[in-house]
Every structure is written in structure tokens, then in C-alpha cells.
Amino acid sequence: MLVKSIKILSAIVLLFITLMVISYVAIGWNDIPFDAAAKSNAPGRMVSISDGEIHYQWIEPAEENTNGETVVMSHGYGVPGFMFQQIAQMLADDGYKVLIFDHFGHGFSDRPNKPFNSDFFNREVTELLQALEITEPVILIGQSMGAMIASNYTVTHSKLVKKLVLFVPAGLRMVESENKGLVNMLATPVLGSWIWRVFGRAAMEEPDPPPCELCGNGKIVGDVYVQAQYEGYFESMHNILVEYPMNKQDHVYHDLAKVKVPTLAFFGEQDRLVKPESADLFQLILPDSSVIVLPHGDHVLHIRHWNEVGNKVIQWLHQ
């Protein structure tokens, strides 16, 4: 009887493992190889740095209108550099030369098989600016995860950052990142990869819910789902969730306060990812910073209200 039970249990385990393997292979079977042919579809240019190729674009002012200032924009999790297109164009119209790029794992940039941690992104930004021969201090703008990356870069390269603008910066009090059990499960070898491949990418492929009534209806310029057709995108998103914690990283902003780079930060009361209480905490940690809380703003306030937010950024830069 015991032997029979063991055989049945073994058969069930074997069946379960087989189903796991089949589902893992089947999902993503049609992903397009991310190779030179794929990159040829990129709207911008490519530059090689130590961890791979980065896709970037310059949005430049009219020659007679240039003010000689350079803006570098660091996008958030999951959405590539085109998330800044409207505000980038506003800045260019005001005389700024604007660089937007895709962080590794996003858009048309490479998806290297390395831990996407703080050091990785700091090296990425450092080498990108060096490769593009940007040597004068820049105005650095970041959104959510990209705001944390921009803040880390400012801490380690404060002499190369003239001013810092942050849209709904991650790293203080986040909503989804509080589920430590889920994050720990995703970090589990083999099982974590399977869970993410089967359930995580399905969640990311779901259409965004409509904005709240007060959040506005500004549209992103670009198709977020194009990047997801290529191999390595979802694996990169899993990599970031495991390697780059974005909740209760207060030390990032305590370090930022020490370098005393002029900083403007936006938060939204309708944000479902960065808790509104982060605004008060940010102001407490950086008392000399300028903090704007939009009652109608959500996590993509720079898109839904690009004109309002862009004008506030320009006004602050002119001070």
C-alpha cells in the first residue's frame, strides 16, 4: 500500500513538473529575437557601453533659441524613454537640448543577463553620458524608478548635475512593493522565474485601467507593448523587481540631501503606487527642496498633465 502511494505521489509530482516545463516553454514561444534586425526598427540611435547597446534620441531646440543647457531624462519601470516625449518637446521649445534614452531592459536597449541593481544603473548612466561626450553639468529628470536612478547618480556625480527634477520618485513609501512575500518568492531560483513567466508577464500585458476622473486623459506618445514583443523584456522586468528594491529606500534621499543639488519633486494624491505620504517624508528629508503635490495627479502625472507639469518645471528651471 505504501509503495503504491509513493508511486502515485511520484506520478503527480512528475506530471506537475512536466506541466510547469511545458507552460514555461510555451509562454513566450513567439517572442521576436532581439537582434540587429529588431534594433533597426528603433527611431533613435544606438551607442555601445560596457553592458551593451543603449538606444537614445536627442530632441533639440531651434538653433536661434538654444540656451546651452542639456536635460537628461531617466524613465521609470516598464515604459521606455518615449514616456517623456511631450515634456521633452516643451523643454526643447524653451531652448533646452534634451536627451531621452531607454534604460537597459526597456525599449530598444539591450537586455543584458546581469543583476539590474543600483550599481548597474549608476554605471549605465555614467557610461552613457561619457559615451555621448556630455561633460558639462546637466539638468537631470527622472520618473518613479528612474527618479531613484537619477537621485543615485546625483549622489555619486553631484558636480555633473546642475539641477534635479523628480516625478513621483520611488524609494520612499510604495504600495505594491510592500508585499515582501511576493518579492521573496519571485527571487526564489527556478520557481520565481516560473511564477513571473506564467503570471507576471500576463499581468503586465493587461491594458491599463482608465484614469480616475480627476487624473486627466493625456496620452503617452508611443506603444508600450511593442517592446514586449521582443525576447528579454519580461525577464528584465523580473530582474529589476528582484534586484532593485524601491520601497523604504530612505537612505537614497538622505544621501541626496547631503550633496545639496537644487531639487524639485512632484507627487500625486491619486497615485496608486507611490503613497502620497512620501511627499511629506521627502520634504522632511530634503527641507531645501521644492515639492509640488498635484491633487489630481497619479503615477503618470507627467503624461496626463504634461502641459501643466512641463510649465511648472520650466518656471522652476528659470529661477
Protein backbone atom coordinates (compact mmCIF):
# COMPACT_ATOMS: atom_id res chain seq x y z
CA MET A 1 0.00 0.00 0.00
CA LEU A 2 2.84 2.37 0.92
CA VAL A 3 4.69 1.55 -2.30
CA LYS A 4 1.54 2.24 -4.33
CA SER A 5 1.02 5.59 -2.58
CA ILE A 6 4.62 6.59 -3.26
CA LYS A 7 4.22 5.71 -6.95
CA ILE A 8 1.04 7.78 -7.20
CA LEU A 9 2.69 10.72 -5.45
CA SER A 10 5.73 10.44 -7.73
CA ALA A 11 3.49 10.38 -10.80
CA ILE A 12 1.66 13.51 -9.58
CA VAL A 13 4.94 15.32 -8.92
CA LEU A 14 6.29 14.29 -12.34
CA LEU A 15 3.08 15.47 -14.03
CA PHE A 16 3.26 18.78 -12.17
CA ILE A 17 6.89 19.32 -13.17
CA THR A 18 6.09 18.42 -16.78
CA LEU A 19 3.21 20.90 -16.87
CA MET A 20 5.47 23.58 -15.38
CA VAL A 21 8.12 22.97 -18.06
CA ILE A 22 5.56 22.95 -20.89
CA SER A 23 3.89 26.15 -19.68
CA TYR A 24 7.27 27.87 -19.23
CA VAL A 25 8.38 27.00 -22.75
CA ALA A 26 5.00 27.67 -24.38
CA ILE A 27 4.69 31.16 -22.92
CA GLY A 28 6.91 33.45 -24.91
CA TRP A 29 7.38 30.93 -27.69
CA ASN A 30 6.59 33.59 -30.27
CA ASP A 31 8.79 36.31 -28.79
CA ILE A 32 10.80 38.03 -31.52
CA PRO A 33 14.61 37.66 -31.22
CA PHE A 34 16.14 40.91 -30.01
CA ASP A 35 18.90 41.25 -32.55
CA ALA A 36 20.28 43.74 -35.08
CA ALA A 37 17.14 43.38 -37.20
CA ALA A 38 14.96 44.28 -34.22
CA LYS A 39 17.13 47.25 -33.34
CA SER A 40 16.88 48.53 -36.89
CA ASN A 41 13.28 49.47 -36.06
CA ALA A 42 14.42 51.89 -33.36
CA PRO A 43 13.54 55.54 -34.01
CA GLY A 44 16.78 56.83 -32.46
CA ARG A 45 20.43 55.85 -32.44
CA MET A 46 22.48 53.26 -30.58
CA VAL A 47 25.64 53.70 -28.53
CA SER A 48 27.75 50.93 -27.01
CA ILE A 49 28.78 50.94 -23.37
CA SER A 50 30.24 48.14 -21.25
CA ASP A 51 26.97 46.26 -20.61
CA GLY A 52 25.53 46.55 -24.12
CA GLU A 53 23.91 48.99 -26.53
CA ILE A 54 21.71 51.86 -25.38
CA HIS A 55 19.01 53.40 -27.55
CA TYR A 56 18.80 57.19 -27.31
CA GLN A 57 17.32 60.25 -29.02
CA TRP A 58 18.14 63.95 -28.97
CA ILE A 59 15.28 66.46 -29.02
CA GLU A 60 16.92 69.73 -29.90
CA PRO A 61 15.84 73.37 -29.83
CA ALA A 62 15.88 75.65 -32.84
CA GLU A 63 19.40 76.98 -33.30
CA GLU A 64 18.33 80.59 -32.68
CA ASN A 65 16.54 79.57 -29.48
CA THR A 66 19.12 77.38 -27.72
CA ASN A 67 20.13 78.29 -24.18
CA GLY A 68 23.12 75.96 -23.99
CA GLU A 69 21.59 73.74 -21.28
CA THR A 70 21.32 69.95 -21.54
CA VAL A 71 18.49 67.93 -19.98
CA VAL A 72 18.80 64.17 -19.45
CA MET A 73 15.59 62.21 -18.78
CA SER A 74 15.52 58.89 -16.87
CA HIS A 75 12.28 56.92 -17.37
CA GLY A 76 10.51 54.63 -14.92
CA TYR A 77 9.82 50.90 -14.70
CA GLY A 78 8.30 49.16 -17.68
CA VAL A 79 7.88 52.11 -20.06
CA PRO A 80 10.78 53.35 -22.26
CA GLY A 81 12.05 56.86 -22.87
CA PHE A 82 9.16 57.98 -25.05
CA MET A 83 7.15 58.48 -21.85
CA PHE A 84 8.78 61.94 -21.73
CA GLN A 85 8.06 62.97 -25.31
CA GLN A 86 5.60 65.80 -24.57
CA ILE A 87 7.60 67.43 -21.79
CA ALA A 88 10.85 66.87 -23.67
CA GLN A 89 9.44 68.80 -26.63
CA MET A 90 8.28 71.61 -24.31
CA LEU A 91 11.80 71.86 -22.90
CA ALA A 92 13.31 71.88 -26.40
CA ASP A 93 10.91 74.64 -27.44
CA ASP A 94 12.16 76.61 -24.44
CA GLY A 95 15.76 76.28 -25.56
CA TYR A 96 16.98 73.10 -23.84
CA LYS A 97 18.76 70.25 -25.63
CA VAL A 98 17.03 67.10 -24.34
CA LEU A 99 18.32 63.54 -24.20
CA ILE A 100 15.82 60.71 -23.77
CA PHE A 101 17.01 57.10 -23.71
CA ASP A 102 15.86 53.59 -22.87
CA HIS A 103 17.29 52.04 -19.73
CA PHE A 104 18.67 48.54 -20.24
CA GLY A 105 15.84 46.02 -20.47
CA HIS A 106 13.48 48.61 -21.97
CA GLY A 107 12.55 49.78 -25.43
CA PHE A 108 15.30 49.19 -27.96
CA SER A 109 18.19 49.00 -25.48
CA ASP A 110 19.87 45.67 -24.79
CA ARG A 111 18.67 43.24 -22.14
CA PRO A 112 21.94 42.02 -20.57
CA ASN A 113 21.91 38.99 -18.28
CA LYS A 114 23.27 40.85 -15.24
CA PRO A 115 21.73 41.95 -11.92
CA PHE A 116 19.79 45.15 -12.58
CA ASN A 117 20.75 46.71 -9.25
CA SER A 118 21.70 50.21 -8.13
CA ASP A 119 25.34 49.87 -9.19
CA PHE A 120 24.27 48.54 -12.60
CA PHE A 121 22.03 51.53 -13.36
CA ASN A 122 24.54 54.01 -11.97
CA ARG A 123 27.20 52.57 -14.28
CA GLU A 124 24.75 52.69 -17.18
CA VAL A 125 24.00 56.42 -16.79
CA THR A 126 27.64 57.28 -16.12
CA GLU A 127 28.92 55.48 -19.20
CA LEU A 128 26.09 56.73 -21.41
CA LEU A 129 26.90 60.38 -20.69
CA GLN A 130 30.59 59.68 -21.18
CA ALA A 131 29.96 57.89 -24.48
CA LEU A 132 27.90 60.84 -25.73
CA GLU A 133 30.65 63.22 -24.57
CA ILE A 134 28.38 65.12 -22.22
CA THR A 135 30.89 66.77 -19.92
CA GLU A 136 29.12 69.90 -18.65
CA PRO A 137 26.69 69.68 -15.69
CA VAL A 138 23.20 68.61 -16.82
CA ILE A 139 19.65 69.03 -15.63
CA LEU A 140 18.56 65.52 -14.69
CA ILE A 141 14.89 64.49 -14.74
CA GLY A 142 13.59 61.12 -13.57
CA GLN A 143 10.23 59.40 -13.09
CA SER A 144 9.45 56.76 -10.43
CA MET A 145 12.21 54.12 -10.67
CA GLY A 146 14.05 56.48 -13.00
CA ALA A 147 13.85 59.16 -10.31
CA MET A 148 15.64 56.83 -7.92
CA ILE A 149 18.27 56.11 -10.57
CA ALA A 150 18.67 59.85 -11.17
CA SER A 151 18.97 60.50 -7.45
CA ASN A 152 21.66 57.83 -7.04
CA TYR A 153 23.57 59.27 -9.97
CA THR A 154 23.32 62.76 -8.48
CA VAL A 155 24.74 61.50 -5.19
CA THR A 156 27.77 59.93 -6.86
CA HIS A 157 28.24 62.63 -9.54
CA SER A 158 26.94 65.77 -7.86
CA LYS A 159 29.34 68.04 -9.75
CA LEU A 160 27.85 66.83 -13.04
CA VAL A 161 24.23 67.59 -12.08
CA LYS A 162 23.13 71.22 -12.11
CA LYS A 163 19.50 70.65 -11.11
CA LEU A 164 17.35 67.60 -10.40
CA VAL A 165 13.63 67.13 -11.17
CA LEU A 166 11.77 64.07 -9.89
CA PHE A 167 8.31 62.88 -10.93
CA VAL A 168 6.64 60.61 -8.31
CA PRO A 169 10.01 59.28 -7.10
CA ALA A 170 10.11 55.67 -5.96
CA GLY A 171 12.12 54.67 -2.91
CA LEU A 172 10.09 56.04 0.00
CA ARG A 173 6.64 54.59 0.67
CA MET A 174 5.37 52.36 -2.09
CA VAL A 175 2.13 50.39 -2.27
CA GLU A 176 2.80 47.27 -4.35
CA SER A 177 6.38 46.81 -3.13
CA GLU A 178 5.15 46.21 0.43
CA ASN A 179 4.33 42.60 -0.40
CA LYS A 180 7.69 41.21 0.72
CA GLY A 181 6.42 37.64 0.48
CA LEU A 182 5.73 38.00 -3.23
CA VAL A 183 9.08 39.70 -3.89
CA ASN A 184 10.89 36.96 -1.96
CA MET A 185 9.00 34.31 -3.93
CA LEU A 186 9.99 35.95 -7.23
CA ALA A 187 13.61 35.83 -6.08
CA THR A 188 13.46 32.08 -5.50
CA PRO A 189 15.57 30.21 -8.10
CA VAL A 190 13.54 28.35 -10.76
CA LEU A 191 10.18 28.78 -9.01
CA GLY A 192 10.42 32.58 -9.10
CA SER A 193 11.19 32.58 -12.81
CA TRP A 194 8.27 30.26 -13.49
CA ILE A 195 5.82 32.35 -11.44
CA TRP A 196 6.91 35.50 -13.21
CA ARG A 197 6.80 33.96 -16.68
CA VAL A 198 3.34 32.47 -16.17
CA PHE A 199 1.66 35.15 -14.07
CA GLY A 200 3.87 38.23 -14.05
CA ARG A 201 4.02 38.85 -17.77
CA ALA A 202 0.28 38.21 -18.07
CA ALA A 203 -0.34 40.95 -15.51
CA MET A 204 1.95 43.36 -17.37
CA GLU A 205 0.18 42.64 -20.66
CA GLU A 206 -3.20 43.67 -19.26
CA PRO A 207 -4.40 47.05 -20.59
CA ASP A 208 -4.03 49.92 -18.14
CA PRO A 209 -7.23 50.77 -16.29
CA PRO A 210 -8.84 54.10 -17.19
CA PRO A 211 -7.55 57.06 -15.16
CA CYS A 212 -9.50 58.41 -12.23
CA GLU A 213 -11.99 61.18 -13.00
CA LEU A 214 -9.57 63.86 -11.79
CA CYS A 215 -6.39 62.37 -13.24
CA GLY A 216 -6.75 63.80 -16.75
CA ASN A 217 -6.60 62.00 -20.06
CA GLY A 218 -3.22 62.86 -21.54
CA LYS A 219 -1.92 60.08 -23.80
CA ILE A 220 1.53 58.56 -23.85
CA VAL A 221 3.41 59.03 -27.14
CA GLY A 222 4.37 55.51 -28.20
CA ASP A 223 3.20 51.91 -27.89
CA VAL A 224 4.33 50.38 -24.60
CA TYR A 225 3.57 46.87 -25.87
CA VAL A 226 5.96 46.92 -28.84
CA GLN A 227 8.97 46.35 -26.57
CA ALA A 228 7.20 43.36 -25.01
CA GLN A 229 7.20 41.52 -28.35
CA TYR A 230 10.96 41.03 -28.14
CA GLU A 231 12.91 38.45 -26.16
CA GLY A 232 14.25 39.52 -22.81
CA TYR A 233 11.82 42.30 -21.89
CA PHE A 234 9.80 40.40 -19.29
CA GLU A 235 12.92 38.72 -17.93
CA SER A 236 14.42 42.18 -17.45
CA MET A 237 11.32 43.38 -15.60
CA HIS A 238 11.60 40.36 -13.30
CA ASN A 239 15.29 41.10 -12.82
CA ILE A 240 14.55 44.67 -11.71
CA LEU A 241 11.86 43.64 -9.21
CA VAL A 242 14.27 41.20 -7.58
CA GLU A 243 17.48 43.23 -7.72
CA TYR A 244 16.34 46.86 -7.32
CA PRO A 245 14.12 47.34 -4.24
CA MET A 246 12.05 50.52 -4.40
CA ASN A 247 10.30 50.57 -1.04
CA LYS A 248 11.72 52.20 2.10
CA GLN A 249 14.98 53.18 0.46
CA ASP A 250 15.14 56.37 2.51
CA HIS A 251 18.94 56.30 2.52
CA VAL A 252 18.92 57.31 -1.17
CA TYR A 253 17.28 60.62 -0.32
CA HIS A 254 19.26 61.17 2.88
CA ASP A 255 22.38 60.86 0.72
CA LEU A 256 20.82 63.18 -1.86
CA ALA A 257 20.22 65.82 0.82
CA LYS A 258 23.93 65.86 1.62
CA VAL A 259 25.04 66.90 -1.90
CA LYS A 260 22.71 69.94 -1.94
CA VAL A 261 21.79 69.88 -5.62
CA PRO A 262 18.67 72.04 -6.23
CA THR A 263 15.76 69.59 -6.43
CA LEU A 264 12.11 69.77 -7.49
CA ALA A 265 9.81 66.82 -6.78
CA PHE A 266 6.24 66.12 -7.92
CA PHE A 267 3.80 63.81 -6.15
CA GLY A 268 0.16 62.95 -6.87
CA GLU A 269 -2.64 62.45 -4.38
CA GLN A 270 -4.24 59.92 -6.75
CA ASP A 271 -1.05 57.86 -7.10
CA ARG A 272 -1.70 54.12 -6.67
CA LEU A 273 1.99 53.20 -6.43
CA VAL A 274 3.84 55.96 -4.55
CA LYS A 275 1.90 56.73 -1.40
CA PRO A 276 1.01 60.43 -1.01
CA GLU A 277 2.72 60.39 2.40
CA SER A 278 6.00 60.13 0.50
CA ALA A 279 5.71 63.85 -0.31
CA ASP A 280 5.86 64.85 3.37
CA LEU A 281 8.70 62.43 4.00
CA PHE A 282 10.61 63.75 1.00
CA GLN A 283 10.22 67.33 2.23
CA LEU A 284 11.35 66.28 5.71
CA ILE A 285 14.49 64.60 4.36
CA LEU A 286 15.25 67.38 1.85
CA PRO A 287 13.94 70.56 3.53
CA ASP A 288 15.55 72.79 0.90
CA SER A 289 13.81 71.04 -1.99
CA SER A 290 10.71 72.29 -3.81
CA VAL A 291 7.81 69.85 -3.54
CA ILE A 292 4.62 70.04 -5.60
CA VAL A 293 1.65 67.79 -4.80
CA LEU A 294 -1.00 67.61 -7.51
CA PRO A 295 -4.43 66.78 -6.01
CA HIS A 296 -5.46 65.33 -9.39
CA GLY A 297 -2.11 63.68 -10.16
CA ASP A 298 -1.47 59.95 -10.38
CA HIS A 299 1.66 57.91 -11.13
CA VAL A 300 1.92 59.25 -14.67
CA LEU A 301 1.11 62.86 -13.91
CA HIS A 302 3.85 63.93 -16.33
CA ILE A 303 1.75 62.36 -19.11
CA ARG A 304 -1.83 63.03 -18.02
CA HIS A 305 -0.94 66.64 -17.20
CA TRP A 306 2.16 67.13 -19.32
CA ASN A 307 1.38 70.75 -20.16
CA GLU A 308 0.77 71.80 -16.55
CA VAL A 309 3.72 69.82 -15.20
CA GLY A 310 6.01 70.91 -18.03
CA ASN A 311 5.24 74.58 -17.39
CA LYS A 312 5.92 74.17 -13.67
CA VAL A 313 9.27 72.52 -14.47
CA ILE A 314 10.26 75.32 -16.84
CA GLN A 315 9.24 78.01 -14.36
CA TRP A 316 11.37 76.35 -11.69
CA LEU A 317 14.35 75.98 -14.02
CA HIS A 318 14.18 79.70 -14.81
CA GLN A 319 14.53 80.66 -11.15
